[in-house]
Amino acid sequence: MRTNGNGRGGRPARLTIKVPEHMVALWETRNREILKLGDPALRVTARPVGRPDAETRTLVERMKAAMKDDHGMGLAAPQLGVDRRVIIYRLPEDGAPLRVIVDPRIISAKGEQTGTEGCLSLPFLHGDVTRAYEIMVKGTDMLGRSFRRRASDLEARVIQHEVDHLDGILFIDRADPATLHWSVPEDVSLAQQPAPTA
């Protein structure tokens, strides 16, 4: 994991990558409401929400629809161009609830895990990222009630990934650069895939 010397929670240096032309074209087949790498809104630090209101509820509904449409596991408001501190996620287990955290803040972290990550804002790009194995996150629910949630393993990874989005940090900034690779899933039809360019 690369950081600026402030440890796991520090702000990493921003990684610049060149997206192949055929991948840019393939991104056009994805949900267009979700901003893609290169949009400056993805690098903005989001503002606190405070008590959720009707505008927050509308935002969360948009986020749910976009995440479901693009078969994602998590989404942060800045990925829709909204600079508010809201994240949603649903783990890929049968019956897993969709969780919403307003103004999330990771207040403790321990252990370490390294795993492959991707992002709806960087379709088809994957890389290994080292994160805390267990975290405690503090936030607000949609009724404005403060809560704390302990999360570990995959759930902790997802929360850390989405909270990073709220600070303008993308997973590529924390990834081991040697592991970054493009991979188009089998469910993307060949008809959608442009021919690679030289």
N, C-alpha and C. Protein backbone atom coordinates (compact mmCIF):
# COMPACT_ATOMS: atom_id res chain seq x y z
N MET A 1 0.84 -1.18 0.00
CA MET A 1 0.00 0.00 0.00
C MET A 1 0.88 1.24 0.00
N ARG A 2 0.52 2.21 -0.80
CA ARG A 2 1.29 3.43 -0.87
C ARG A 2 0.55 4.53 -0.12
N THR A 3 1.22 5.20 0.80
CA THR A 3 0.63 6.35 1.47
C THR A 3 1.64 7.47 1.45
N ASN A 4 1.25 8.59 2.00
CA ASN A 4 2.16 9.73 2.03
C ASN A 4 2.99 9.75 3.31
N GLY A 5 3.01 8.60 4.01
CA GLY A 5 3.79 8.54 5.23
C GLY A 5 2.95 8.72 6.48
N ASN A 6 1.65 8.94 6.32
CA ASN A 6 0.78 9.11 7.48
C ASN A 6 0.14 7.80 7.90
N GLY A 7 0.63 6.67 7.40
CA GLY A 7 0.05 5.38 7.78
C GLY A 7 -1.15 5.04 6.93
N ARG A 8 -1.87 3.99 7.36
CA ARG A 8 -2.99 3.47 6.58
C ARG A 8 -4.05 4.53 6.30
N GLY A 9 -4.32 5.38 7.29
CA GLY A 9 -5.39 6.35 7.12
C GLY A 9 -4.94 7.63 6.44
N GLY A 10 -3.66 7.76 6.13
CA GLY A 10 -3.15 8.97 5.53
C GLY A 10 -3.64 9.17 4.11
N ARG A 11 -3.46 10.39 3.62
CA ARG A 11 -3.87 10.69 2.25
C ARG A 11 -2.78 10.23 1.30
N PRO A 12 -3.08 9.26 0.44
CA PRO A 12 -2.07 8.76 -0.50
C PRO A 12 -1.85 9.74 -1.65
N ALA A 13 -0.74 9.57 -2.32
CA ALA A 13 -0.50 10.35 -3.53
C ALA A 13 -1.49 9.90 -4.60
N ARG A 14 -1.96 10.83 -5.39
CA ARG A 14 -2.91 10.48 -6.45
C ARG A 14 -2.18 9.80 -7.60
N LEU A 15 -2.72 8.67 -7.99
CA LEU A 15 -2.12 7.93 -9.10
C LEU A 15 -2.79 8.35 -10.40
N THR A 16 -1.98 8.65 -11.39
CA THR A 16 -2.50 8.98 -12.71
C THR A 16 -2.31 7.77 -13.60
N ILE A 17 -3.39 7.35 -14.23
CA ILE A 17 -3.28 6.22 -15.16
C ILE A 17 -3.86 6.62 -16.51
N LYS A 18 -3.35 5.98 -17.54
CA LYS A 18 -3.87 6.20 -18.89
C LYS A 18 -4.87 5.10 -19.17
N VAL A 19 -6.09 5.51 -19.51
CA VAL A 19 -7.15 4.56 -19.81
C VAL A 19 -7.09 4.25 -21.31
N PRO A 20 -6.93 2.98 -21.68
CA PRO A 20 -6.89 2.64 -23.11
C PRO A 20 -8.16 3.09 -23.82
N GLU A 21 -8.01 3.49 -25.07
CA GLU A 21 -9.15 4.00 -25.83
C GLU A 21 -10.30 3.00 -25.90
N HIS A 22 -9.98 1.71 -26.06
CA HIS A 22 -11.06 0.74 -26.18
C HIS A 22 -11.80 0.58 -24.84
N MET A 23 -11.12 0.85 -23.71
CA MET A 23 -11.80 0.82 -22.42
C MET A 23 -12.69 2.04 -22.25
N VAL A 24 -12.23 3.20 -22.69
CA VAL A 24 -13.05 4.41 -22.63
C VAL A 24 -14.35 4.17 -23.40
N ALA A 25 -14.24 3.57 -24.57
CA ALA A 25 -15.43 3.27 -25.37
C ALA A 25 -16.34 2.28 -24.65
N LEU A 26 -15.73 1.31 -23.99
CA LEU A 26 -16.52 0.32 -23.26
C LEU A 26 -17.20 0.94 -22.05
N TRP A 27 -16.57 1.95 -21.45
CA TRP A 27 -17.19 2.65 -20.32
C TRP A 27 -18.52 3.28 -20.73
N GLU A 28 -18.63 3.64 -22.00
CA GLU A 28 -19.87 4.25 -22.49
C GLU A 28 -21.05 3.30 -22.39
N THR A 29 -20.79 2.01 -22.26
CA THR A 29 -21.89 1.04 -22.14
C THR A 29 -22.36 0.91 -20.69
N ARG A 30 -21.66 1.54 -19.76
CA ARG A 30 -22.00 1.47 -18.34
C ARG A 30 -22.98 2.58 -17.97
N ASN A 31 -23.44 2.55 -16.73
CA ASN A 31 -24.38 3.56 -16.24
C ASN A 31 -23.74 4.95 -16.37
N ARG A 32 -24.38 5.80 -17.13
CA ARG A 32 -23.79 7.12 -17.40
C ARG A 32 -23.96 8.09 -16.25
N GLU A 33 -24.84 7.77 -15.30
CA GLU A 33 -25.01 8.67 -14.16
C GLU A 33 -23.81 8.58 -13.21
N ILE A 34 -23.13 7.45 -13.22
CA ILE A 34 -21.96 7.27 -12.35
C ILE A 34 -20.75 7.89 -13.03
N LEU A 35 -20.13 8.86 -12.36
CA LEU A 35 -18.99 9.56 -12.94
C LEU A 35 -17.81 8.62 -13.08
N LYS A 36 -17.03 8.84 -14.13
CA LYS A 36 -15.87 7.99 -14.40
C LYS A 36 -14.58 8.76 -14.14
N LEU A 37 -13.50 8.00 -14.00
CA LEU A 37 -12.17 8.56 -13.78
C LEU A 37 -11.92 9.71 -14.75
N GLY A 38 -11.40 10.81 -14.23
CA GLY A 38 -11.15 11.99 -15.05
C GLY A 38 -12.11 13.11 -14.72
N ASP A 39 -13.29 12.77 -14.17
CA ASP A 39 -14.24 13.81 -13.78
C ASP A 39 -13.72 14.45 -12.49
N PRO A 40 -13.55 15.78 -12.47
CA PRO A 40 -12.99 16.44 -11.29
C PRO A 40 -13.83 16.27 -10.03
N ALA A 41 -15.12 15.99 -10.16
CA ALA A 41 -15.98 15.82 -8.98
C ALA A 41 -15.57 14.63 -8.13
N LEU A 42 -14.87 13.66 -8.75
CA LEU A 42 -14.41 12.49 -8.00
C LEU A 42 -13.24 12.81 -7.07
N ARG A 43 -12.64 13.98 -7.25
CA ARG A 43 -11.46 14.35 -6.45
C ARG A 43 -11.77 15.45 -5.43
N VAL A 44 -13.05 15.75 -5.24
CA VAL A 44 -13.47 16.79 -4.30
C VAL A 44 -13.76 16.16 -2.93
N THR A 45 -13.44 16.88 -1.87
CA THR A 45 -13.81 16.43 -0.52
C THR A 45 -15.26 16.81 -0.28
N ALA A 46 -16.10 15.81 0.00
CA ALA A 46 -17.53 16.03 0.16
C ALA A 46 -17.84 16.75 1.48
N ARG A 47 -18.96 17.45 1.48
CA ARG A 47 -19.39 18.22 2.65
C ARG A 47 -20.33 17.39 3.54
N PRO A 48 -20.30 17.64 4.85
CA PRO A 48 -21.20 16.93 5.76
C PRO A 48 -22.67 17.22 5.43
N VAL A 49 -23.51 16.26 5.76
CA VAL A 49 -24.94 16.39 5.51
C VAL A 49 -25.66 16.99 6.71
N GLY A 50 -25.28 16.55 7.92
CA GLY A 50 -26.04 16.95 9.10
C GLY A 50 -27.26 16.05 9.20
N ARG A 51 -28.39 16.61 9.55
CA ARG A 51 -29.60 15.80 9.67
C ARG A 51 -30.16 15.52 8.27
N PRO A 52 -30.38 14.25 7.92
CA PRO A 52 -30.92 13.92 6.60
C PRO A 52 -32.31 14.54 6.40
N ASP A 53 -32.55 15.00 5.18
CA ASP A 53 -33.84 15.61 4.85
C ASP A 53 -34.36 15.01 3.56
N ALA A 54 -35.38 15.64 2.97
CA ALA A 54 -35.98 15.12 1.74
C ALA A 54 -34.95 15.05 0.61
N GLU A 55 -34.06 16.02 0.55
CA GLU A 55 -33.02 16.03 -0.48
C GLU A 55 -32.08 14.83 -0.31
N THR A 56 -31.77 14.52 0.95
CA THR A 56 -30.91 13.36 1.23
C THR A 56 -31.60 12.07 0.81
N ARG A 57 -32.89 11.96 1.11
CA ARG A 57 -33.65 10.76 0.74
C ARG A 57 -33.69 10.58 -0.77
N THR A 58 -33.88 11.68 -1.49
CA THR A 58 -33.88 11.62 -2.96
C THR A 58 -32.52 11.16 -3.48
N LEU A 59 -31.44 11.70 -2.89
CA LEU A 59 -30.09 11.31 -3.27
C LEU A 59 -29.87 9.83 -3.05
N VAL A 60 -30.28 9.31 -1.88
CA VAL A 60 -30.09 7.90 -1.57
C VAL A 60 -30.85 7.02 -2.56
N GLU A 61 -32.05 7.42 -2.95
CA GLU A 61 -32.80 6.64 -3.94
C GLU A 61 -32.07 6.62 -5.28
N ARG A 62 -31.49 7.74 -5.68
CA ARG A 62 -30.70 7.79 -6.92
C ARG A 62 -29.50 6.87 -6.81
N MET A 63 -28.85 6.89 -5.66
CA MET A 63 -27.68 6.05 -5.45
C MET A 63 -28.04 4.57 -5.51
N LYS A 64 -29.15 4.21 -4.87
CA LYS A 64 -29.59 2.81 -4.89
C LYS A 64 -29.84 2.34 -6.32
N ALA A 65 -30.54 3.18 -7.10
CA ALA A 65 -30.87 2.80 -8.48
C ALA A 65 -29.60 2.65 -9.32
N ALA A 66 -28.66 3.59 -9.17
CA ALA A 66 -27.43 3.54 -9.96
C ALA A 66 -26.58 2.33 -9.59
N MET A 67 -26.47 2.05 -8.29
CA MET A 67 -25.67 0.92 -7.85
C MET A 67 -26.28 -0.40 -8.34
N LYS A 68 -27.59 -0.51 -8.24
CA LYS A 68 -28.26 -1.73 -8.70
C LYS A 68 -28.11 -1.89 -10.21
N ASP A 69 -28.28 -0.80 -10.95
CA ASP A 69 -28.19 -0.86 -12.41
C ASP A 69 -26.81 -1.31 -12.87
N ASP A 70 -25.77 -0.91 -12.13
CA ASP A 70 -24.40 -1.24 -12.53
C ASP A 70 -23.84 -2.42 -11.75
N HIS A 71 -24.71 -3.11 -11.00
CA HIS A 71 -24.33 -4.33 -10.27
C HIS A 71 -23.16 -4.07 -9.31
N GLY A 72 -23.24 -2.95 -8.59
CA GLY A 72 -22.19 -2.61 -7.65
C GLY A 72 -22.46 -3.12 -6.26
N MET A 73 -21.42 -3.04 -5.43
CA MET A 73 -21.52 -3.45 -4.03
C MET A 73 -21.60 -2.22 -3.12
N GLY A 74 -21.09 -1.09 -3.60
CA GLY A 74 -21.12 0.13 -2.81
C GLY A 74 -21.06 1.35 -3.71
N LEU A 75 -21.49 2.49 -3.16
CA LEU A 75 -21.48 3.73 -3.93
C LEU A 75 -21.43 4.90 -2.96
N ALA A 76 -20.71 5.94 -3.35
CA ALA A 76 -20.63 7.17 -2.56
C ALA A 76 -21.24 8.31 -3.37
N ALA A 77 -21.84 9.26 -2.67
CA ALA A 77 -22.53 10.36 -3.35
C ALA A 77 -21.66 11.09 -4.38
N PRO A 78 -20.36 11.33 -4.11
CA PRO A 78 -19.55 12.02 -5.13
C PRO A 78 -19.49 11.29 -6.47
N GLN A 79 -19.73 9.97 -6.47
CA GLN A 79 -19.73 9.24 -7.73
C GLN A 79 -20.92 9.62 -8.61
N LEU A 80 -21.91 10.29 -8.00
CA LEU A 80 -23.03 10.83 -8.79
C LEU A 80 -22.89 12.34 -8.95
N GLY A 81 -21.72 12.85 -8.58
CA GLY A 81 -21.48 14.29 -8.73
C GLY A 81 -22.07 15.12 -7.61
N VAL A 82 -22.42 14.51 -6.48
CA VAL A 82 -23.01 15.21 -5.34
C VAL A 82 -21.99 15.24 -4.20
N ASP A 83 -21.57 16.43 -3.80
CA ASP A 83 -20.52 16.53 -2.79
C ASP A 83 -21.11 16.50 -1.38
N ARG A 84 -21.73 15.39 -1.05
CA ARG A 84 -22.29 15.16 0.28
C ARG A 84 -21.73 13.85 0.82
N ARG A 85 -21.57 13.78 2.13
CA ARG A 85 -20.95 12.62 2.77
C ARG A 85 -22.01 11.54 3.04
N VAL A 86 -22.33 10.79 2.00
CA VAL A 86 -23.30 9.70 2.08
C VAL A 86 -22.73 8.50 1.33
N ILE A 87 -22.80 7.33 1.98
CA ILE A 87 -22.40 6.10 1.29
C ILE A 87 -23.51 5.06 1.46
N ILE A 88 -23.59 4.16 0.49
CA ILE A 88 -24.49 3.01 0.59
C ILE A 88 -23.70 1.77 0.19
N TYR A 89 -24.14 0.62 0.71
CA TYR A 89 -23.50 -0.63 0.28
C TYR A 89 -24.41 -1.81 0.60
N ARG A 90 -24.18 -2.88 -0.14
CA ARG A 90 -24.86 -4.16 0.12
C ARG A 90 -23.86 -5.27 -0.16
N LEU A 91 -23.62 -6.10 0.83
CA LEU A 91 -22.69 -7.22 0.65
C LEU A 91 -23.33 -8.28 -0.23
N PRO A 92 -22.52 -9.07 -0.95
CA PRO A 92 -23.06 -10.03 -1.92
C PRO A 92 -23.53 -11.34 -1.29
N GLU A 93 -24.16 -11.26 -0.13
CA GLU A 93 -24.69 -12.46 0.53
C GLU A 93 -26.20 -12.47 0.34
N ASP A 94 -26.78 -13.64 0.29
CA ASP A 94 -28.23 -13.75 0.18
C ASP A 94 -28.88 -13.06 1.36
N GLY A 95 -29.82 -12.18 1.05
CA GLY A 95 -30.56 -11.50 2.11
C GLY A 95 -29.82 -10.39 2.81
N ALA A 96 -28.64 -10.01 2.32
CA ALA A 96 -27.89 -8.93 2.97
C ALA A 96 -28.65 -7.62 2.80
N PRO A 97 -28.77 -6.84 3.87
CA PRO A 97 -29.50 -5.57 3.77
C PRO A 97 -28.68 -4.50 3.06
N LEU A 98 -29.38 -3.55 2.48
CA LEU A 98 -28.70 -2.39 1.92
C LEU A 98 -28.51 -1.41 3.06
N ARG A 99 -27.29 -0.98 3.28
CA ARG A 99 -26.99 -0.07 4.39
C ARG A 99 -26.67 1.32 3.87
N VAL A 100 -27.14 2.31 4.60
CA VAL A 100 -26.90 3.73 4.29
C VAL A 100 -26.21 4.34 5.50
N ILE A 101 -25.11 5.03 5.25
CA ILE A 101 -24.43 5.74 6.33
C ILE A 101 -24.24 7.20 5.89
N VAL A 102 -24.82 8.09 6.67
CA VAL A 102 -24.69 9.53 6.43
C VAL A 102 -23.57 10.05 7.32
N ASP A 103 -22.72 10.87 6.77
CA ASP A 103 -21.57 11.44 7.48
C ASP A 103 -20.74 10.36 8.19
N PRO A 104 -20.33 9.31 7.47
CA PRO A 104 -19.55 8.25 8.10
C PRO A 104 -18.15 8.73 8.48
N ARG A 105 -17.69 8.21 9.61
CA ARG A 105 -16.33 8.52 10.07
C ARG A 105 -15.75 7.27 10.69
N ILE A 106 -14.62 6.83 10.19
CA ILE A 106 -13.96 5.66 10.75
C ILE A 106 -13.19 6.10 11.98
N ILE A 107 -13.61 5.58 13.14
CA ILE A 107 -13.04 6.05 14.40
C ILE A 107 -11.99 5.10 14.97
N SER A 108 -11.94 3.87 14.46
CA SER A 108 -10.86 2.97 14.86
C SER A 108 -10.64 1.94 13.76
N ALA A 109 -9.44 1.43 13.71
CA ALA A 109 -9.08 0.43 12.70
C ALA A 109 -7.98 -0.45 13.25
N LYS A 110 -8.07 -1.75 12.95
CA LYS A 110 -7.00 -2.65 13.38
C LYS A 110 -6.86 -3.79 12.41
N GLY A 111 -5.70 -4.44 12.47
CA GLY A 111 -5.43 -5.55 11.57
C GLY A 111 -5.15 -5.08 10.16
N GLU A 112 -4.94 -6.04 9.29
CA GLU A 112 -4.61 -5.71 7.91
C GLU A 112 -5.11 -6.82 7.00
N GLN A 113 -5.59 -6.43 5.84
CA GLN A 113 -6.01 -7.37 4.81
C GLN A 113 -5.64 -6.79 3.45
N THR A 114 -5.28 -7.66 2.54
CA THR A 114 -5.00 -7.23 1.16
C THR A 114 -5.91 -8.02 0.24
N GLY A 115 -6.57 -7.31 -0.64
CA GLY A 115 -7.49 -7.97 -1.57
C GLY A 115 -7.68 -7.14 -2.82
N THR A 116 -8.29 -7.77 -3.81
CA THR A 116 -8.52 -7.10 -5.09
C THR A 116 -9.75 -6.22 -5.01
N GLU A 117 -9.63 -5.01 -5.53
CA GLU A 117 -10.75 -4.08 -5.58
C GLU A 117 -10.97 -3.60 -7.00
N GLY A 118 -12.19 -3.17 -7.23
CA GLY A 118 -12.59 -2.50 -8.46
C GLY A 118 -13.46 -1.33 -8.05
N CYS A 119 -14.00 -0.62 -9.03
CA CYS A 119 -14.80 0.56 -8.72
C CYS A 119 -15.73 0.87 -9.88
N LEU A 120 -16.96 1.28 -9.57
CA LEU A 120 -17.91 1.63 -10.62
C LEU A 120 -17.47 2.88 -11.39
N SER A 121 -16.59 3.67 -10.81
CA SER A 121 -16.08 4.85 -11.50
C SER A 121 -14.84 4.56 -12.35
N LEU A 122 -14.33 3.33 -12.25
CA LEU A 122 -13.20 2.88 -13.07
C LEU A 122 -13.53 1.48 -13.58
N PRO A 123 -14.57 1.34 -14.40
CA PRO A 123 -15.01 0.01 -14.81
C PRO A 123 -13.89 -0.83 -15.41
N PHE A 124 -13.85 -2.09 -15.01
CA PHE A 124 -12.96 -3.11 -15.56
C PHE A 124 -11.51 -2.99 -15.11
N LEU A 125 -11.22 -2.03 -14.19
CA LEU A 125 -9.86 -1.92 -13.65
C LEU A 125 -9.85 -2.52 -12.25
N HIS A 126 -8.85 -3.36 -11.97
CA HIS A 126 -8.75 -4.01 -10.67
C HIS A 126 -7.31 -3.93 -10.17
N GLY A 127 -7.18 -3.99 -8.87
CA GLY A 127 -5.84 -3.99 -8.27
C GLY A 127 -5.91 -4.33 -6.80
N ASP A 128 -4.79 -4.76 -6.26
CA ASP A 128 -4.72 -5.16 -4.86
C ASP A 128 -4.52 -3.95 -3.96
N VAL A 129 -5.35 -3.89 -2.90
CA VAL A 129 -5.30 -2.79 -1.95
C VAL A 129 -5.22 -3.36 -0.54
N THR A 130 -4.33 -2.80 0.27
CA THR A 130 -4.21 -3.19 1.67
C THR A 130 -5.00 -2.20 2.52
N ARG A 131 -5.90 -2.76 3.34
CA ARG A 131 -6.73 -1.94 4.22
C ARG A 131 -6.80 -2.58 5.60
N ALA A 132 -7.42 -1.88 6.54
CA ALA A 132 -7.63 -2.44 7.87
C ALA A 132 -8.57 -3.63 7.77
N TYR A 133 -8.34 -4.64 8.61
CA TYR A 133 -9.22 -5.82 8.62
C TYR A 133 -10.50 -5.55 9.39
N GLU A 134 -10.41 -4.74 10.43
CA GLU A 134 -11.60 -4.44 11.24
C GLU A 134 -11.66 -2.95 11.52
N ILE A 135 -12.84 -2.38 11.44
CA ILE A 135 -13.02 -0.95 11.69
C ILE A 135 -14.25 -0.73 12.57
N MET A 136 -14.30 0.45 13.17
CA MET A 136 -15.51 0.94 13.80
C MET A 136 -15.88 2.22 13.06
N VAL A 137 -17.09 2.26 12.52
CA VAL A 137 -17.53 3.44 11.79
C VAL A 137 -18.66 4.10 12.56
N LYS A 138 -18.60 5.40 12.64
CA LYS A 138 -19.64 6.18 13.30
C LYS A 138 -20.36 6.99 12.23
N GLY A 139 -21.66 7.05 12.31
CA GLY A 139 -22.42 7.80 11.32
C GLY A 139 -23.83 8.05 11.79
N THR A 140 -24.66 8.46 10.85
CA THR A 140 -26.05 8.78 11.11
C THR A 140 -26.91 7.96 10.17
N ASP A 141 -28.06 7.48 10.65
CA ASP A 141 -28.98 6.77 9.75
C ASP A 141 -29.92 7.78 9.09
N MET A 142 -30.83 7.30 8.27
CA MET A 142 -31.70 8.20 7.52
C MET A 142 -32.74 8.90 8.39
N LEU A 143 -32.87 8.47 9.63
CA LEU A 143 -33.77 9.15 10.58
C LEU A 143 -33.02 10.16 11.43
N GLY A 144 -31.74 10.32 11.14
CA GLY A 144 -30.94 11.29 11.88
C GLY A 144 -30.39 10.77 13.20
N ARG A 145 -30.47 9.46 13.41
CA ARG A 145 -29.98 8.87 14.64
C ARG A 145 -28.51 8.48 14.50
N SER A 146 -27.70 8.87 15.46
CA SER A 146 -26.28 8.53 15.46
C SER A 146 -26.11 7.06 15.83
N PHE A 147 -25.15 6.39 15.20
CA PHE A 147 -24.88 4.99 15.53
C PHE A 147 -23.41 4.67 15.26
N ARG A 148 -22.99 3.53 15.79
CA ARG A 148 -21.66 3.00 15.52
C ARG A 148 -21.84 1.58 15.00
N ARG A 149 -20.98 1.17 14.08
CA ARG A 149 -21.04 -0.18 13.56
C ARG A 149 -19.63 -0.74 13.44
N ARG A 150 -19.44 -1.93 14.01
CA ARG A 150 -18.16 -2.62 13.87
C ARG A 150 -18.25 -3.48 12.61
N ALA A 151 -17.25 -3.42 11.77
CA ALA A 151 -17.24 -4.20 10.53
C ALA A 151 -15.87 -4.83 10.34
N SER A 152 -15.86 -6.01 9.74
CA SER A 152 -14.59 -6.68 9.48
C SER A 152 -14.60 -7.28 8.08
N ASP A 153 -13.43 -7.72 7.65
CA ASP A 153 -13.26 -8.43 6.39
C ASP A 153 -13.84 -7.61 5.22
N LEU A 154 -14.71 -8.23 4.41
CA LEU A 154 -15.22 -7.57 3.21
C LEU A 154 -16.02 -6.31 3.54
N GLU A 155 -16.86 -6.37 4.57
CA GLU A 155 -17.65 -5.18 4.92
C GLU A 155 -16.74 -4.02 5.29
N ALA A 156 -15.69 -4.29 6.05
CA ALA A 156 -14.75 -3.23 6.42
C ALA A 156 -14.07 -2.67 5.18
N ARG A 157 -13.70 -3.53 4.24
CA ARG A 157 -13.07 -3.10 3.01
C ARG A 157 -14.00 -2.17 2.21
N VAL A 158 -15.26 -2.57 2.08
CA VAL A 158 -16.22 -1.78 1.30
C VAL A 158 -16.41 -0.41 1.94
N ILE A 159 -16.59 -0.38 3.25
CA ILE A 159 -16.79 0.90 3.93
C ILE A 159 -15.58 1.80 3.73
N GLN A 160 -14.37 1.26 3.91
CA GLN A 160 -13.16 2.07 3.73
C GLN A 160 -13.05 2.61 2.31
N HIS A 161 -13.39 1.78 1.32
CA HIS A 161 -13.35 2.19 -0.09
C HIS A 161 -14.31 3.35 -0.32
N GLU A 162 -15.54 3.23 0.21
CA GLU A 162 -16.54 4.29 -0.03
C GLU A 162 -16.23 5.55 0.75
N VAL A 163 -15.74 5.42 1.99
CA VAL A 163 -15.37 6.62 2.75
C VAL A 163 -14.23 7.35 2.05
N ASP A 164 -13.30 6.61 1.45
CA ASP A 164 -12.24 7.25 0.66
C ASP A 164 -12.83 8.15 -0.43
N HIS A 165 -13.89 7.69 -1.10
CA HIS A 165 -14.53 8.50 -2.14
C HIS A 165 -14.96 9.86 -1.59
N LEU A 166 -15.39 9.90 -0.35
CA LEU A 166 -15.86 11.15 0.25
C LEU A 166 -14.72 12.15 0.43
N ASP A 167 -13.50 11.65 0.40
CA ASP A 167 -12.32 12.52 0.54
C ASP A 167 -11.55 12.66 -0.77
N GLY A 168 -12.18 12.28 -1.88
CA GLY A 168 -11.55 12.43 -3.19
C GLY A 168 -10.45 11.43 -3.46
N ILE A 169 -10.46 10.31 -2.73
CA ILE A 169 -9.45 9.27 -2.88
C ILE A 169 -10.04 8.10 -3.63
N LEU A 170 -9.36 7.63 -4.67
CA LEU A 170 -9.80 6.48 -5.45
C LEU A 170 -8.96 5.26 -5.07
N PHE A 171 -9.50 4.08 -5.30
CA PHE A 171 -8.77 2.87 -4.89
C PHE A 171 -7.41 2.75 -5.56
N ILE A 172 -7.28 3.30 -6.76
CA ILE A 172 -5.99 3.23 -7.45
C ILE A 172 -4.90 3.99 -6.70
N ASP A 173 -5.30 4.98 -5.89
CA ASP A 173 -4.32 5.75 -5.12
C ASP A 173 -3.69 4.89 -4.02
N ARG A 174 -4.42 3.89 -3.56
CA ARG A 174 -3.94 3.02 -2.48
C ARG A 174 -3.46 1.66 -3.00
N ALA A 175 -3.72 1.37 -4.25
CA ALA A 175 -3.39 0.05 -4.80
C ALA A 175 -1.89 -0.11 -5.04
N ASP A 176 -1.46 -1.36 -5.02
CA ASP A 176 -0.10 -1.71 -5.45
C ASP A 176 -0.10 -1.53 -6.97
N PRO A 177 0.63 -0.56 -7.51
CA PRO A 177 0.58 -0.30 -8.95
C PRO A 177 0.89 -1.51 -9.81
N ALA A 178 1.73 -2.41 -9.31
CA ALA A 178 2.11 -3.59 -10.09
C ALA A 178 0.95 -4.55 -10.29
N THR A 179 -0.11 -4.41 -9.48
CA THR A 179 -1.24 -5.33 -9.58
C THR A 179 -2.39 -4.78 -10.40
N LEU A 180 -2.33 -3.51 -10.79
CA LEU A 180 -3.43 -2.92 -11.55
C LEU A 180 -3.54 -3.57 -12.92
N HIS A 181 -4.75 -4.00 -13.27
CA HIS A 181 -4.95 -4.65 -14.56
C HIS A 181 -6.38 -4.46 -15.02
N TRP A 182 -6.56 -4.50 -16.33
CA TRP A 182 -7.89 -4.38 -16.94
C TRP A 182 -8.45 -5.78 -17.14
N SER A 183 -9.72 -5.96 -16.81
CA SER A 183 -10.36 -7.26 -16.96
C SER A 183 -11.84 -7.05 -17.27
N VAL A 184 -12.25 -7.49 -18.45
CA VAL A 184 -13.65 -7.36 -18.85
C VAL A 184 -14.37 -8.66 -18.53
N PRO A 185 -15.43 -8.61 -17.71
CA PRO A 185 -16.13 -9.84 -17.34
C PRO A 185 -16.82 -10.51 -18.51
N GLU A 186 -17.07 -11.79 -18.36
CA GLU A 186 -17.69 -12.57 -19.44
C GLU A 186 -19.10 -12.11 -19.75
N ASP A 187 -19.78 -11.49 -18.77
CA ASP A 187 -21.17 -11.09 -19.02
C ASP A 187 -21.28 -9.83 -19.89
N VAL A 188 -20.13 -9.21 -20.22
CA VAL A 188 -20.15 -8.10 -21.17
C VAL A 188 -19.98 -8.72 -22.55
N SER A 189 -21.00 -8.59 -23.37
CA SER A 189 -21.01 -9.29 -24.66
C SER A 189 -19.91 -8.78 -25.58
N LEU A 190 -19.45 -9.68 -26.44
CA LEU A 190 -18.41 -9.31 -27.40
C LEU A 190 -18.88 -8.18 -28.30
N ALA A 191 -20.17 -8.13 -28.54
CA ALA A 191 -20.70 -7.06 -29.41
C ALA A 191 -20.49 -5.70 -28.77
N GLN A 192 -20.41 -5.63 -27.43
CA GLN A 192 -20.20 -4.36 -26.76
C GLN A 192 -18.73 -3.98 -26.71
N GLN A 193 -17.86 -4.94 -26.94
CA GLN A 193 -16.44 -4.67 -26.78
C GLN A 193 -15.81 -4.21 -28.08
N PRO A 194 -15.32 -2.98 -28.10
CA PRO A 194 -14.61 -2.51 -29.29
C PRO A 194 -13.31 -3.28 -29.45
N ALA A 195 -12.83 -3.34 -30.66
CA ALA A 195 -11.55 -4.00 -30.91
C ALA A 195 -10.43 -3.19 -30.29
N PRO A 196 -9.45 -3.84 -29.67
CA PRO A 196 -8.33 -3.11 -29.09
C PRO A 196 -7.61 -2.28 -30.15
N THR A 197 -7.11 -1.14 -29.73
CA THR A 197 -6.36 -0.30 -30.68
C THR A 197 -4.88 -0.43 -30.39
N ALA A 198 -4.08 -0.18 -31.38
CA ALA A 198 -2.63 -0.31 -31.22
C ALA A 198 -2.07 0.86 -30.45
